[in-house]
């Protein structure tokens, strides 16, 4: 599965890469070079970040599912116990 960005997000990312090179390295990186660098990052590095995010979500979902029994548990056959409490 390749990671794709919408056109707007891709343009924002390219502008951010260009700005980072200018501000942090005092180098001018053109639009084409920044786009190529972004494509490299999306193909090479982004899957590792994506996979970690998926693993984090799976862990959170499993935790929530394991808590469903605690949150929603109802004791059966409680009618007579409730009548005795009156």
N, C-alpha and C. Protein backbone atom coordinates (compact mmCIF):
# COMPACT_ATOMS: atom_id res chain seq x y z
N UNK A 1 0.85 -1.18 0.00
CA UNK A 1 0.00 0.00 0.00
C UNK A 1 0.89 1.24 0.00
N UNK A 2 0.76 2.03 -1.02
CA UNK A 2 1.55 3.26 -1.05
C UNK A 2 0.78 4.36 -0.33
N UNK A 3 1.53 5.24 0.27
CA UNK A 3 0.92 6.34 1.02
C UNK A 3 0.85 7.55 0.09
N UNK A 4 -0.35 8.01 -0.13
CA UNK A 4 -0.59 9.13 -1.03
C UNK A 4 -1.12 10.31 -0.23
N UNK A 5 -0.76 11.49 -0.66
CA UNK A 5 -1.27 12.71 -0.06
C UNK A 5 -2.19 13.39 -1.07
N UNK A 6 -3.17 14.08 -0.56
CA UNK A 6 -4.02 14.87 -1.46
C UNK A 6 -3.14 15.95 -2.09
N UNK A 7 -3.62 16.51 -3.16
CA UNK A 7 -2.84 17.54 -3.87
C UNK A 7 -2.50 18.71 -2.95
N UNK A 8 -3.49 19.13 -2.16
CA UNK A 8 -3.28 20.26 -1.26
C UNK A 8 -2.24 19.92 -0.18
N UNK A 9 -2.35 18.73 0.42
CA UNK A 9 -1.38 18.34 1.44
C UNK A 9 0.02 18.20 0.85
N UNK A 10 0.09 17.65 -0.37
CA UNK A 10 1.40 17.49 -1.03
C UNK A 10 2.04 18.87 -1.25
N UNK A 11 1.26 19.83 -1.72
CA UNK A 11 1.79 21.18 -1.93
C UNK A 11 2.26 21.81 -0.62
N UNK A 12 1.49 21.61 0.44
CA UNK A 12 1.90 22.14 1.74
C UNK A 12 3.18 21.48 2.23
N UNK A 13 3.29 20.17 2.03
CA UNK A 13 4.49 19.44 2.46
C UNK A 13 5.72 19.90 1.68
N UNK A 14 5.57 20.09 0.39
CA UNK A 14 6.68 20.57 -0.44
C UNK A 14 7.11 21.96 0.01
N UNK A 15 6.16 22.83 0.27
CA UNK A 15 6.49 24.18 0.75
C UNK A 15 7.21 24.11 2.10
N UNK A 16 6.79 23.19 2.95
CA UNK A 16 7.43 23.04 4.26
C UNK A 16 8.86 22.54 4.11
N UNK A 17 9.07 21.59 3.21
CA UNK A 17 10.43 21.08 2.96
C UNK A 17 11.31 22.20 2.43
N UNK A 18 10.81 22.96 1.48
CA UNK A 18 11.58 24.09 0.94
C UNK A 18 11.93 25.09 2.05
N UNK A 19 10.97 25.38 2.89
CA UNK A 19 11.21 26.32 3.99
C UNK A 19 12.23 25.77 4.98
N UNK A 20 12.13 24.47 5.30
CA UNK A 20 13.08 23.88 6.23
C UNK A 20 14.50 24.00 5.70
N UNK A 21 14.70 23.67 4.44
CA UNK A 21 16.04 23.79 3.87
C UNK A 21 16.54 25.23 3.92
N UNK A 22 15.66 26.17 3.65
CA UNK A 22 16.06 27.57 3.68
C UNK A 22 16.39 28.03 5.10
N UNK A 23 15.50 27.73 6.04
CA UNK A 23 15.68 28.21 7.41
C UNK A 23 16.76 27.46 8.19
N UNK A 24 16.82 26.15 8.05
CA UNK A 24 17.72 25.34 8.85
C UNK A 24 19.09 25.12 8.22
N UNK A 25 19.15 25.10 6.92
CA UNK A 25 20.42 24.80 6.25
C UNK A 25 20.91 25.96 5.40
N UNK A 26 20.12 27.01 5.34
CA UNK A 26 20.45 28.17 4.52
C UNK A 26 20.75 27.76 3.07
N UNK A 27 19.92 26.84 2.58
CA UNK A 27 20.04 26.35 1.20
C UNK A 27 18.70 26.52 0.50
N UNK A 28 18.76 26.86 -0.76
CA UNK A 28 17.53 26.94 -1.54
C UNK A 28 17.31 25.60 -2.21
N UNK A 29 16.17 25.00 -1.92
CA UNK A 29 15.79 23.75 -2.54
C UNK A 29 14.59 24.03 -3.42
N UNK A 30 14.70 23.73 -4.68
CA UNK A 30 13.61 24.02 -5.60
C UNK A 30 12.41 23.12 -5.40
N UNK A 31 11.33 23.50 -6.04
CA UNK A 31 10.07 22.80 -5.95
C UNK A 31 10.19 21.35 -6.43
N UNK A 32 10.88 21.13 -7.52
CA UNK A 32 11.02 19.78 -8.07
C UNK A 32 11.84 18.91 -7.13
N UNK A 33 12.94 19.45 -6.61
CA UNK A 33 13.78 18.68 -5.68
C UNK A 33 13.02 18.39 -4.39
N UNK A 34 12.28 19.36 -3.89
CA UNK A 34 11.50 19.14 -2.67
C UNK A 34 10.42 18.08 -2.91
N UNK A 35 9.81 18.11 -4.08
CA UNK A 35 8.81 17.10 -4.41
C UNK A 35 9.42 15.70 -4.50
N UNK A 36 10.63 15.62 -5.08
CA UNK A 36 11.31 14.33 -5.16
C UNK A 36 11.68 13.82 -3.78
N UNK A 37 12.15 14.72 -2.92
CA UNK A 37 12.48 14.34 -1.55
C UNK A 37 11.23 13.85 -0.80
N UNK A 38 10.13 14.55 -0.98
CA UNK A 38 8.88 14.14 -0.36
C UNK A 38 8.47 12.75 -0.86
N UNK A 39 8.58 12.53 -2.15
CA UNK A 39 8.23 11.21 -2.71
C UNK A 39 9.10 10.12 -2.11
N UNK A 40 10.39 10.41 -1.95
CA UNK A 40 11.30 9.44 -1.33
C UNK A 40 10.85 9.14 0.10
N UNK A 41 10.57 10.20 0.89
CA UNK A 41 10.14 10.00 2.27
C UNK A 41 8.84 9.19 2.33
N UNK A 42 7.90 9.50 1.44
CA UNK A 42 6.62 8.78 1.45
C UNK A 42 6.81 7.31 1.09
N UNK A 43 7.73 7.02 0.21
CA UNK A 43 7.94 5.63 -0.19
C UNK A 43 8.82 4.88 0.79
N UNK A 44 9.82 5.53 1.32
CA UNK A 44 10.84 4.84 2.12
C UNK A 44 10.56 4.87 3.63
N UNK A 45 10.13 6.00 4.14
CA UNK A 45 10.04 6.18 5.59
C UNK A 45 8.60 6.18 6.11
N UNK A 46 7.70 6.76 5.35
CA UNK A 46 6.30 6.88 5.80
C UNK A 46 5.66 5.54 6.14
N UNK A 47 5.95 4.44 5.41
CA UNK A 47 5.33 3.18 5.81
C UNK A 47 5.67 2.75 7.23
N UNK A 48 6.87 3.03 7.69
CA UNK A 48 7.24 2.68 9.07
C UNK A 48 6.41 3.48 10.06
N UNK A 49 6.20 4.75 9.79
CA UNK A 49 5.39 5.60 10.66
C UNK A 49 3.93 5.15 10.61
N UNK A 50 3.46 4.87 9.41
CA UNK A 50 2.08 4.40 9.22
C UNK A 50 1.85 3.09 9.97
N UNK A 51 2.77 2.15 9.82
CA UNK A 51 2.63 0.85 10.49
C UNK A 51 2.61 1.01 12.01
N UNK A 52 3.43 1.91 12.53
CA UNK A 52 3.43 2.16 13.97
C UNK A 52 2.11 2.76 14.41
N UNK A 53 1.57 3.67 13.61
CA UNK A 53 0.28 4.27 13.94
C UNK A 53 -0.82 3.22 13.95
N UNK A 54 -0.80 2.31 12.98
CA UNK A 54 -1.79 1.24 12.94
C UNK A 54 -1.65 0.35 14.18
N UNK A 55 -0.42 0.02 14.54
CA UNK A 55 -0.20 -0.81 15.73
C UNK A 55 -0.70 -0.10 16.99
N UNK A 56 -0.47 1.20 17.09
CA UNK A 56 -0.95 1.97 18.24
C UNK A 56 -2.47 1.96 18.31
N UNK A 57 -3.13 2.13 17.16
CA UNK A 57 -4.58 2.11 17.12
C UNK A 57 -5.10 0.73 17.51
N UNK A 58 -4.48 -0.32 16.98
CA UNK A 58 -4.90 -1.68 17.34
C UNK A 58 -4.81 -1.91 18.85
N UNK A 59 -3.73 -1.44 19.44
CA UNK A 59 -3.55 -1.60 20.88
C UNK A 59 -4.65 -0.88 21.66
N UNK A 60 -4.95 0.34 21.23
CA UNK A 60 -6.00 1.11 21.92
C UNK A 60 -7.36 0.46 21.76
N UNK A 61 -7.64 -0.04 20.55
CA UNK A 61 -8.93 -0.69 20.32
C UNK A 61 -9.03 -1.96 21.17
N UNK A 62 -7.97 -2.76 21.20
CA UNK A 62 -7.99 -3.98 22.01
C UNK A 62 -8.20 -3.66 23.48
N UNK A 63 -7.58 -2.59 23.96
CA UNK A 63 -7.77 -2.18 25.35
C UNK A 63 -9.22 -1.80 25.60
N UNK A 64 -9.80 -1.03 24.69
CA UNK A 64 -11.20 -0.63 24.86
C UNK A 64 -12.14 -1.83 24.80
N UNK A 65 -11.87 -2.76 23.89
CA UNK A 65 -12.72 -3.95 23.78
C UNK A 65 -12.62 -4.78 25.05
N UNK A 66 -11.42 -4.86 25.63
CA UNK A 66 -11.28 -5.65 26.85
C UNK A 66 -12.00 -5.00 28.03
N UNK A 67 -12.25 -3.70 27.95
CA UNK A 67 -12.95 -2.99 29.02
C UNK A 67 -14.47 -3.02 28.86
N UNK A 68 -14.95 -3.47 27.71
CA UNK A 68 -16.39 -3.50 27.47
C UNK A 68 -17.10 -4.36 28.50
N UNK A 69 -16.54 -5.51 28.82
CA UNK A 69 -17.17 -6.39 29.80
C UNK A 69 -17.28 -5.71 31.16
N UNK A 70 -16.25 -4.99 31.55
CA UNK A 70 -16.26 -4.30 32.84
C UNK A 70 -17.30 -3.18 32.84
N UNK A 71 -17.33 -2.40 31.77
CA UNK A 71 -18.23 -1.25 31.70
C UNK A 71 -19.69 -1.64 31.53
N UNK A 72 -19.95 -2.72 30.83
CA UNK A 72 -21.32 -3.05 30.46
C UNK A 72 -21.87 -4.29 31.15
N UNK A 73 -21.10 -4.88 32.02
CA UNK A 73 -21.52 -6.14 32.66
C UNK A 73 -22.72 -5.91 33.57
N UNK A 74 -23.66 -6.79 33.46
CA UNK A 74 -24.83 -6.78 34.34
C UNK A 74 -24.94 -8.15 34.98
N UNK A 75 -25.15 -8.17 36.27
CA UNK A 75 -25.33 -9.44 36.97
C UNK A 75 -26.68 -10.03 36.62
N UNK A 76 -26.72 -11.30 36.27
CA UNK A 76 -28.01 -11.93 35.98
C UNK A 76 -28.71 -12.35 37.28
N UNK A 77 -29.96 -12.58 37.17
CA UNK A 77 -30.79 -13.10 38.27
C UNK A 77 -30.73 -12.21 39.51
N UNK A 78 -30.82 -10.91 39.32
CA UNK A 78 -30.76 -9.99 40.44
C UNK A 78 -32.12 -9.56 40.97
N UNK A 79 -33.16 -10.04 40.34
CA UNK A 79 -34.51 -9.63 40.74
C UNK A 79 -34.77 -9.90 42.22
N UNK A 80 -34.47 -11.11 42.70
CA UNK A 80 -34.78 -11.46 44.08
C UNK A 80 -33.90 -10.72 45.06
N UNK A 81 -32.68 -10.46 44.69
CA UNK A 81 -31.80 -9.69 45.57
C UNK A 81 -32.33 -8.26 45.73
N UNK A 82 -32.83 -7.68 44.67
CA UNK A 82 -33.38 -6.33 44.74
C UNK A 82 -34.64 -6.31 45.60
N UNK A 83 -35.44 -7.37 45.53
CA UNK A 83 -36.68 -7.41 46.34
C UNK A 83 -36.35 -7.53 47.81
N UNK A 84 -35.28 -8.26 48.15
CA UNK A 84 -34.90 -8.39 49.56
C UNK A 84 -34.41 -7.08 50.14
N UNK A 85 -33.84 -6.19 49.28
CA UNK A 85 -33.30 -4.92 49.75
C UNK A 85 -34.40 -3.93 50.12
N UNK A 86 -35.62 -4.17 49.70
CA UNK A 86 -36.72 -3.23 49.98
C UNK A 86 -37.19 -3.29 51.37
